[in-house]
Amino acid sequence: MEVDKKKLAEFLVRAKTATYAGNGKEIAPERPGFKELEFSEGEWNYRDSYSGFFAAPGQEVVRLNGIPIWTMAYSGGVKPEHVGNKDFVKMIFDFLKKVLKRVEVSRPFRGPKHFKEGDFEYFDKSEGDITRFNGQEKITFKGKEVFSQDYIGCIIIHKA
């Protein structure tokens, strides 16, 4: 199946801004112990599945007509000195959601390359395109790193 990369990227932007970044409603998880968010439009379906809080690895999957066509895995979290500080970590994640609402069709992985608001600053560095990519994002507070996460993904190529 040939994937229309432009349609996929545009769908990813809508899906990502409607789910985690948009405080989307959790659904019944396919995997016990995970939190899952879902967005569908016609034959397109997106699911974000993650577990944890201070460190919350996860995976996003896009299906077209029920067939998985794109995936991204991510892993990371807050720096060890912030584990247990729920109030501060909630501030970090609220900032991260603002960043992720700015996902771009040209880089539909995480947030923009750079975003700053108040004492928080976001940096994202990635290589590749929607076909195959990897990257790392980090958040600083008053210039000190408080969160980082790695991600990797690609368009899925099935056996003919």
Protein backbone atom coordinates (compact mmCIF):
# COMPACT_ATOMS: atom_id res chain seq x y z
CA MET A 1 0.00 0.00 0.00
CA GLU A 2 1.43 3.37 -1.02
CA VAL A 3 0.94 5.99 1.71
CA ASP A 4 0.15 9.59 0.76
CA LYS A 5 2.76 11.32 2.97
CA LYS A 6 1.06 14.74 2.80
CA LYS A 7 -2.32 13.34 3.88
CA LEU A 8 -0.61 11.34 6.63
CA ALA A 9 1.22 14.42 7.93
CA GLU A 10 -1.93 16.55 7.88
CA PHE A 11 -3.86 13.82 9.70
CA LEU A 12 -1.09 13.49 12.31
CA VAL A 13 -1.28 17.22 13.07
CA ARG A 14 -5.05 17.04 13.61
CA ALA A 15 -4.77 13.84 15.66
CA LYS A 16 -1.93 15.00 17.89
CA THR A 17 -3.55 18.37 18.68
CA ALA A 18 -6.85 16.63 19.53
CA THR A 19 -5.42 13.96 21.85
CA TYR A 20 -2.62 14.50 24.42
CA ALA A 21 -1.92 18.13 23.48
CA GLY A 22 -5.63 18.89 23.44
CA ASN A 23 -6.43 17.07 26.71
CA GLY A 24 -8.32 14.41 24.76
CA LYS A 25 -10.41 11.85 26.59
CA GLU A 26 -8.78 8.56 27.54
CA ILE A 27 -10.29 5.42 26.05
CA ALA A 28 -10.29 1.78 27.18
CA PRO A 29 -6.71 0.63 26.56
CA GLU A 30 -5.75 -2.23 24.26
CA ARG A 31 -2.83 -2.86 26.65
CA PRO A 32 -3.62 -3.16 30.38
CA GLY A 33 -1.75 -0.63 32.52
CA PHE A 34 -1.50 1.93 29.71
CA LYS A 35 -3.33 5.19 29.11
CA GLU A 36 -4.61 5.52 25.57
CA LEU A 37 -5.99 8.36 23.51
CA GLU A 38 -7.59 7.94 20.10
CA PHE A 39 -8.60 10.12 17.14
CA SER A 40 -10.40 8.94 14.01
CA GLU A 41 -11.40 10.59 10.74
CA GLY A 42 -13.00 8.42 8.08
CA GLU A 43 -10.63 5.56 7.27
CA TRP A 44 -7.82 7.14 9.37
CA ASN A 45 -7.22 6.17 13.00
CA TYR A 46 -4.57 7.38 15.48
CA ARG A 47 -3.83 5.89 18.89
CA ASP A 48 -1.35 7.15 21.48
CA SER A 49 -0.56 4.60 24.18
CA TYR A 50 1.72 5.30 27.16
CA SER A 51 2.35 4.17 30.72
CA GLY A 52 3.74 6.07 33.68
CA PHE A 53 3.94 9.70 34.74
CA PHE A 54 7.43 10.89 35.73
CA ALA A 55 8.82 8.62 33.00
CA ALA A 56 6.15 7.63 30.47
CA PRO A 57 7.33 5.66 27.44
CA GLY A 58 4.79 5.14 24.72
CA GLN A 59 3.91 4.54 21.12
CA GLU A 60 1.74 6.26 18.54
CA VAL A 61 0.21 4.26 15.69
CA VAL A 62 -1.71 5.43 12.62
CA ARG A 63 -3.96 2.93 10.87
CA LEU A 64 -5.50 3.41 7.43
CA ASN A 65 -8.52 1.17 6.83
CA GLY A 66 -7.46 -0.80 9.92
CA ILE A 67 -3.91 -1.46 8.68
CA PRO A 68 -1.00 0.03 10.68
CA ILE A 69 0.89 2.40 8.34
CA TRP A 70 2.97 4.67 10.61
CA THR A 71 4.38 4.45 14.11
CA MET A 72 6.48 6.44 16.53
CA ALA A 73 7.92 5.28 19.85
CA TYR A 74 9.05 7.69 22.57
CA SER A 75 10.79 7.32 25.90
CA GLY A 76 12.11 9.70 28.52
CA GLY A 77 10.81 11.80 31.35
CA VAL A 78 11.63 14.33 34.01
CA LYS A 79 15.07 14.55 35.55
CA PRO A 80 15.51 12.42 38.72
CA GLU A 81 15.48 15.42 41.06
CA HIS A 82 11.86 16.17 40.02
CA VAL A 83 10.46 12.65 40.46
CA GLY A 84 7.80 12.89 43.16
CA ASN A 85 7.16 16.63 42.68
CA LYS A 86 3.72 16.25 41.07
CA ASP A 87 2.89 19.98 41.06
CA PHE A 88 6.08 21.03 39.26
CA VAL A 89 5.89 18.10 36.84
CA LYS A 90 2.29 19.03 36.02
CA MET A 91 3.59 22.50 35.08
CA ILE A 92 6.19 20.88 32.81
CA PHE A 93 3.54 18.74 31.11
CA ASP A 94 1.12 21.67 30.75
CA PHE A 95 3.93 23.53 28.96
CA LEU A 96 4.68 20.42 26.85
CA LYS A 97 1.02 20.28 25.75
CA LYS A 98 1.22 23.91 24.60
CA VAL A 99 4.34 23.02 22.61
CA LEU A 100 2.80 19.90 21.08
CA LYS A 101 -0.20 21.93 19.86
CA ARG A 102 2.33 23.62 17.56
CA VAL A 103 3.25 20.40 15.72
CA GLU A 104 3.97 21.16 12.08
CA VAL A 105 3.01 19.29 8.90
CA SER A 106 6.65 19.52 7.79
CA ARG A 107 7.78 17.75 11.01
CA PRO A 108 4.77 15.86 12.38
CA PHE A 109 6.68 14.15 15.18
CA ARG A 110 6.68 16.38 18.27
CA GLY A 111 6.79 20.18 18.69
CA PRO A 112 8.54 22.94 16.76
CA LYS A 113 12.33 23.19 16.85
CA HIS A 114 12.12 25.88 19.55
CA PHE A 115 9.44 27.47 21.74
CA LYS A 116 9.70 29.68 24.82
CA GLU A 117 7.07 30.86 27.26
CA GLY A 118 7.94 32.42 30.59
CA ASP A 119 10.65 30.44 32.38
CA PHE A 120 10.08 27.34 30.22
CA GLU A 121 11.90 26.69 26.97
CA TYR A 122 11.51 23.77 24.54
CA PHE A 123 14.08 22.42 22.10
CA ASP A 124 13.60 19.68 19.51
CA LYS A 125 16.20 18.23 17.19
CA SER A 126 15.28 15.59 14.65
CA GLU A 127 16.71 13.87 11.59
CA GLY A 128 14.78 12.41 8.67
CA ASP A 129 11.23 12.90 7.51
CA ILE A 130 7.86 11.24 8.01
CA THR A 131 9.19 8.17 6.17
CA ARG A 132 11.92 7.46 8.77
CA PHE A 133 13.05 9.74 11.59
CA ASN A 134 14.53 10.05 15.06
CA GLY A 135 14.97 12.90 17.46
CA GLN A 136 15.22 14.27 20.94
CA GLU A 137 13.24 16.93 22.73
CA LYS A 138 14.07 18.70 25.95
CA ILE A 139 12.51 21.29 28.23
CA THR A 140 14.43 23.69 30.41
CA PHE A 141 13.16 25.77 33.34
CA LYS A 142 15.13 28.93 34.05
CA GLY A 143 17.87 27.55 31.80
CA LYS A 144 18.18 24.17 33.57
CA GLU A 145 17.06 20.96 31.85
CA VAL A 146 14.04 19.39 33.59
CA PHE A 147 12.70 16.98 30.94
CA SER A 148 14.04 15.07 27.96
CA GLN A 149 12.72 12.43 25.65
CA ASP A 150 13.95 10.47 22.63
CA TYR A 151 11.72 9.35 19.78
CA ILE A 152 11.98 7.25 16.63
CA GLY A 153 9.52 6.23 13.94
CA CYS A 154 8.71 5.47 10.33
CA ILE A 155 6.13 4.57 7.75
CA ILE A 156 5.46 0.84 8.06
CA ILE A 157 6.25 -1.28 5.01
CA HIS A 158 4.37 -4.57 4.96
CA LYS A 159 5.38 -7.76 3.19
CA ALA A 160 3.66 -8.04 -0.18
